[in-house]
Amino acid sequence: MTRADAQRVIRQYFPLDNLVFVLIGKSSEIETLAKKYASTIDRKSIIKPGF
């Protein structure tokens, strides 16, 4: 696989307009780091239904 092949696959399967990262941990400890990379942050409590 060439670098061009890898970039093509990334563009095809991981488009930037739909890219979402999920971070799990104590929000008070990771929020500062997450803000460096994310324009929006949505917090979910693991004790809420549907988590």
PDB file of N, CA and C in Angstrom:
ATOM      1  N   MET A   1       0.845  -1.163   0.000  1.00  0.00           N
ATOM      2  CA  MET A   1       0.000   0.000   0.000  1.00  0.00           C
ATOM      3  C   MET A   1       0.892   1.228   0.000  1.00  0.00           C
ATOM      4  N   THR A   2       0.577   2.132  -0.874  1.00  0.00           N
ATOM      5  CA  THR A   2       1.343   3.369  -0.936  1.00  0.00           C
ATOM      6  C   THR A   2       0.686   4.429  -0.056  1.00  0.00           C
ATOM      7  N   ARG A   3       1.405   5.502   0.151  1.00  0.00           N
ATOM      8  CA  ARG A   3       0.848   6.610   0.936  1.00  0.00           C
ATOM      9  C   ARG A   3      -0.400   7.173   0.253  1.00  0.00           C
ATOM     10  N   ALA A   4      -0.373   7.270  -1.051  1.00  0.00           N
ATOM     11  CA  ALA A   4      -1.528   7.764  -1.806  1.00  0.00           C
ATOM     12  C   ALA A   4      -2.739   6.844  -1.619  1.00  0.00           C
ATOM     13  N   ASP A   5      -2.495   5.512  -1.612  1.00  0.00           N
ATOM     14  CA  ASP A   5      -3.579   4.555  -1.373  1.00  0.00           C
ATOM     15  C   ASP A   5      -4.190   4.777   0.003  1.00  0.00           C
ATOM     16  N   ALA A   6      -3.342   4.943   1.004  1.00  0.00           N
ATOM     17  CA  ALA A   6      -3.831   5.156   2.376  1.00  0.00           C
ATOM     18  C   ALA A   6      -4.642   6.441   2.471  1.00  0.00           C
ATOM     19  N   GLN A   7      -4.160   7.504   1.837  1.00  0.00           N
ATOM     20  CA  GLN A   7      -4.888   8.774   1.877  1.00  0.00           C
ATOM     21  C   GLN A   7      -6.231   8.667   1.174  1.00  0.00           C
ATOM     22  N   ARG A   8      -6.290   7.935   0.069  1.00  0.00           N
ATOM     23  CA  ARG A   8      -7.544   7.734  -0.652  1.00  0.00           C
ATOM     24  C   ARG A   8      -8.552   6.981   0.220  1.00  0.00           C
ATOM     25  N   VAL A   9      -8.102   5.931   0.889  1.00  0.00           N
ATOM     26  CA  VAL A   9      -8.982   5.149   1.759  1.00  0.00           C
ATOM     27  C   VAL A   9      -9.480   6.004   2.931  1.00  0.00           C
ATOM     28  N   ILE A  10      -8.597   6.784   3.516  1.00  0.00           N
ATOM     29  CA  ILE A  10      -8.986   7.658   4.625  1.00  0.00           C
ATOM     30  C   ILE A  10     -10.039   8.649   4.171  1.00  0.00           C
ATOM     31  N   ARG A  11      -9.833   9.287   3.026  1.00  0.00           N
ATOM     32  CA  ARG A  11     -10.821  10.255   2.516  1.00  0.00           C
ATOM     33  C   ARG A  11     -12.157   9.586   2.222  1.00  0.00           C
ATOM     34  N   GLN A  12     -12.103   8.352   1.725  1.00  0.00           N
ATOM     35  CA  GLN A  12     -13.328   7.651   1.356  1.00  0.00           C
ATOM     36  C   GLN A  12     -14.136   7.216   2.578  1.00  0.00           C
ATOM     37  N   TYR A  13     -13.493   6.681   3.595  1.00  0.00           N
ATOM     38  CA  TYR A  13     -14.202   6.092   4.726  1.00  0.00           C
ATOM     39  C   TYR A  13     -14.260   6.968   5.972  1.00  0.00           C
ATOM     40  N   PHE A  14     -13.449   8.003   6.016  1.00  0.00           N
ATOM     41  CA  PHE A  14     -13.423   8.884   7.179  1.00  0.00           C
ATOM     42  C   PHE A  14     -13.492  10.348   6.757  1.00  0.00           C
ATOM     43  N   PRO A  15     -14.615  10.757   6.124  1.00  0.00           N
ATOM     44  CA  PRO A  15     -14.722  12.159   5.685  1.00  0.00           C
ATOM     45  C   PRO A  15     -14.719  13.117   6.871  1.00  0.00           C
ATOM     46  N   LEU A  16     -14.016  14.219   6.718  1.00  0.00           N
ATOM     47  CA  LEU A  16     -13.859  15.170   7.817  1.00  0.00           C
ATOM     48  C   LEU A  16     -15.167  15.816   8.240  1.00  0.00           C
ATOM     49  N   ASP A  17     -16.142  15.933   7.335  1.00  0.00           N
ATOM     50  CA  ASP A  17     -17.392  16.589   7.700  1.00  0.00           C
ATOM     51  C   ASP A  17     -18.253  15.733   8.628  1.00  0.00           C
ATOM     52  N   ASN A  18     -17.976  14.439   8.736  1.00  0.00           N
ATOM     53  CA  ASN A  18     -18.742  13.562   9.620  1.00  0.00           C
ATOM     54  C   ASN A  18     -17.886  12.922  10.713  1.00  0.00           C
ATOM     55  N   LEU A  19     -16.687  13.417  10.886  1.00  0.00           N
ATOM     56  CA  LEU A  19     -15.753  12.791  11.814  1.00  0.00           C
ATOM     57  C   LEU A  19     -16.114  13.112  13.263  1.00  0.00           C
ATOM     58  N   VAL A  20     -16.200  12.081  14.099  1.00  0.00           N
ATOM     59  CA  VAL A  20     -16.541  12.239  15.511  1.00  0.00           C
ATOM     60  C   VAL A  20     -15.561  11.405  16.332  1.00  0.00           C
ATOM     61  N   PHE A  21     -15.046  11.997  17.375  1.00  0.00           N
ATOM     62  CA  PHE A  21     -14.209  11.271  18.322  1.00  0.00           C
ATOM     63  C   PHE A  21     -14.981  11.117  19.617  1.00  0.00           C
ATOM     64  N   VAL A  22     -14.867   9.962  20.230  1.00  0.00           N
ATOM     65  CA  VAL A  22     -15.511   9.715  21.518  1.00  0.00           C
ATOM     66  C   VAL A  22     -14.408   9.499  22.545  1.00  0.00           C
ATOM     67  N   LEU A  23     -14.401  10.340  23.555  1.00  0.00           N
ATOM     68  CA  LEU A  23     -13.424  10.223  24.638  1.00  0.00           C
ATOM     69  C   LEU A  23     -14.168   9.800  25.890  1.00  0.00           C
ATOM     70  N   ILE A  24     -13.652   8.834  26.573  1.00  0.00           N
ATOM     71  CA  ILE A  24     -14.288   8.346  27.794  1.00  0.00           C
ATOM     72  C   ILE A  24     -13.322   8.565  28.948  1.00  0.00           C
ATOM     73  N   GLY A  25     -13.822   9.217  29.969  1.00  0.00           N
ATOM     74  CA  GLY A  25     -12.993   9.493  31.131  1.00  0.00           C
ATOM     75  C   GLY A  25     -13.602  10.607  31.952  1.00  0.00           C
ATOM     76  N   LYS A  26     -12.867  11.070  32.933  1.00  0.00           N
ATOM     77  CA  LYS A  26     -13.332  12.172  33.771  1.00  0.00           C
ATOM     78  C   LYS A  26     -13.243  13.464  32.981  1.00  0.00           C
ATOM     79  N   SER A  27     -14.408  14.069  32.706  1.00  0.00           N
ATOM     80  CA  SER A  27     -14.413  15.267  31.867  1.00  0.00           C
ATOM     81  C   SER A  27     -13.584  16.385  32.475  1.00  0.00           C
ATOM     82  N   SER A  28     -13.552  16.457  33.794  1.00  0.00           N
ATOM     83  CA  SER A  28     -12.772  17.512  34.437  1.00  0.00           C
ATOM     84  C   SER A  28     -11.276  17.366  34.160  1.00  0.00           C
ATOM     85  N   GLU A  29     -10.836  16.152  33.845  1.00  0.00           N
ATOM     86  CA  GLU A  29      -9.421  15.903  33.596  1.00  0.00           C
ATOM     87  C   GLU A  29      -9.048  15.955  32.116  1.00  0.00           C
ATOM     88  N   ILE A  30      -9.991  15.658  31.225  1.00  0.00           N
ATOM     89  CA  ILE A  30      -9.640  15.588  29.806  1.00  0.00           C
ATOM     90  C   ILE A  30     -10.230  16.729  28.973  1.00  0.00           C
ATOM     91  N   GLU A  31     -11.075  17.554  29.574  1.00  0.00           N
ATOM     92  CA  GLU A  31     -11.743  18.605  28.814  1.00  0.00           C
ATOM     93  C   GLU A  31     -10.765  19.616  28.210  1.00  0.00           C
ATOM     94  N   THR A  32      -9.762  20.026  28.942  1.00  0.00           N
ATOM     95  CA  THR A  32      -8.802  20.996  28.434  1.00  0.00           C
ATOM     96  C   THR A  32      -8.092  20.449  27.201  1.00  0.00           C
ATOM     97  N   LEU A  33      -7.692  19.213  27.245  1.00  0.00           N
ATOM     98  CA  LEU A  33      -7.035  18.591  26.102  1.00  0.00           C
ATOM     99  C   LEU A  33      -8.007  18.449  24.927  1.00  0.00           C
ATOM    100  N   ALA A  34      -9.225  18.028  25.200  1.00  0.00           N
ATOM    101  CA  ALA A  34     -10.213  17.844  24.135  1.00  0.00           C
ATOM    102  C   ALA A  34     -10.533  19.160  23.432  1.00  0.00           C
ATOM    103  N   LYS A  35     -10.557  20.250  24.158  1.00  0.00           N
ATOM    104  CA  LYS A  35     -10.863  21.557  23.562  1.00  0.00           C
ATOM    105  C   LYS A  35      -9.815  21.989  22.542  1.00  0.00           C
ATOM    106  N   LYS A  36      -8.604  21.465  22.651  1.00  0.00           N
ATOM    107  CA  LYS A  36      -7.555  21.795  21.681  1.00  0.00           C
ATOM    108  C   LYS A  36      -7.890  21.241  20.297  1.00  0.00           C
ATOM    109  N   TYR A  37      -8.675  20.166  20.253  1.00  0.00           N
ATOM    110  CA  TYR A  37      -8.931  19.466  19.001  1.00  0.00           C
ATOM    111  C   TYR A  37     -10.386  19.531  18.545  1.00  0.00           C
ATOM    112  N   ALA A  38     -11.291  19.960  19.408  1.00  0.00           N
ATOM    113  CA  ALA A  38     -12.718  19.920  19.080  1.00  0.00           C
ATOM    114  C   ALA A  38     -13.343  21.304  19.144  1.00  0.00           C
ATOM    115  N   SER A  39     -14.154  21.610  18.148  1.00  0.00           N
ATOM    116  CA  SER A  39     -14.859  22.891  18.160  1.00  0.00           C
ATOM    117  C   SER A  39     -16.083  22.832  19.072  1.00  0.00           C
ATOM    118  N   THR A  40     -16.639  21.646  19.243  1.00  0.00           N
ATOM    119  CA  THR A  40     -17.769  21.466  20.163  1.00  0.00           C
ATOM    120  C   THR A  40     -17.523  20.230  21.024  1.00  0.00           C
ATOM    121  N   ILE A  41     -18.031  20.286  22.235  1.00  0.00           N
ATOM    122  CA  ILE A  41     -17.899  19.167  23.165  1.00  0.00           C
ATOM    123  C   ILE A  41     -19.276  18.865  23.738  1.00  0.00           C
ATOM    124  N   ASP A  42     -19.639  17.603  23.735  1.00  0.00           N
ATOM    125  CA  ASP A  42     -20.912  17.163  24.280  1.00  0.00           C
ATOM    126  C   ASP A  42     -20.616  16.141  25.375  1.00  0.00           C
ATOM    127  N   ARG A  43     -21.082  16.401  26.574  1.00  0.00           N
ATOM    128  CA  ARG A  43     -20.818  15.498  27.701  1.00  0.00           C
ATOM    129  C   ARG A  43     -22.032  14.622  27.981  1.00  0.00           C
ATOM    130  N   LYS A  44     -21.780  13.361  28.245  1.00  0.00           N
ATOM    131  CA  LYS A  44     -22.828  12.401  28.614  1.00  0.00           C
ATOM    132  C   LYS A  44     -22.415  11.727  29.911  1.00  0.00           C
ATOM    133  N   SER A  45     -23.363  11.589  30.809  1.00  0.00           N
ATOM    134  CA  SER A  45     -23.101  10.881  32.062  1.00  0.00           C
ATOM    135  C   SER A  45     -23.374   9.397  31.844  1.00  0.00           C
ATOM    136  N   ILE A  46     -22.494   8.553  32.342  1.00  0.00           N
ATOM    137  CA  ILE A  46     -22.672   7.120  32.120  1.00  0.00           C
ATOM    138  C   ILE A  46     -23.792   6.532  32.975  1.00  0.00           C
ATOM    139  N   ILE A  47     -24.352   7.306  33.884  1.00  0.00           N
ATOM    140  CA  ILE A  47     -25.458   6.795  34.688  1.00  0.00           C
ATOM    141  C   ILE A  47     -26.814   7.141  34.080  1.00  0.00           C
ATOM    142  N   LYS A  48     -26.844   7.912  32.988  1.00  0.00           N
ATOM    143  CA  LYS A  48     -28.095   8.264  32.343  1.00  0.00           C
ATOM    144  C   LYS A  48     -28.540   7.156  31.385  1.00  0.00           C
ATOM    145  N   PRO A  49     -29.858   6.950  31.243  1.00  0.00           N
ATOM    146  CA  PRO A  49     -30.355   5.931  30.301  1.00  0.00           C
ATOM    147  C   PRO A  49     -29.890   6.244  28.871  1.00  0.00           C
ATOM    148  N   GLY A  50     -29.597   5.219  28.132  1.00  0.00           N
ATOM    149  CA  GLY A  50     -29.192   5.380  26.741  1.00  0.00           C
ATOM    150  C   GLY A  50     -27.712   5.608  26.534  1.00  0.00           C
ATOM    151  N   PHE A  51     -26.963   5.635  27.633  1.00  0.00           N
ATOM    152  CA  PHE A  51     -25.535   5.824  27.473  1.00  0.00           C
ATOM    153  C   PHE A  51     -24.998   4.622  26.754  1.00  0.00           C
TER     154      PHE A  51
END
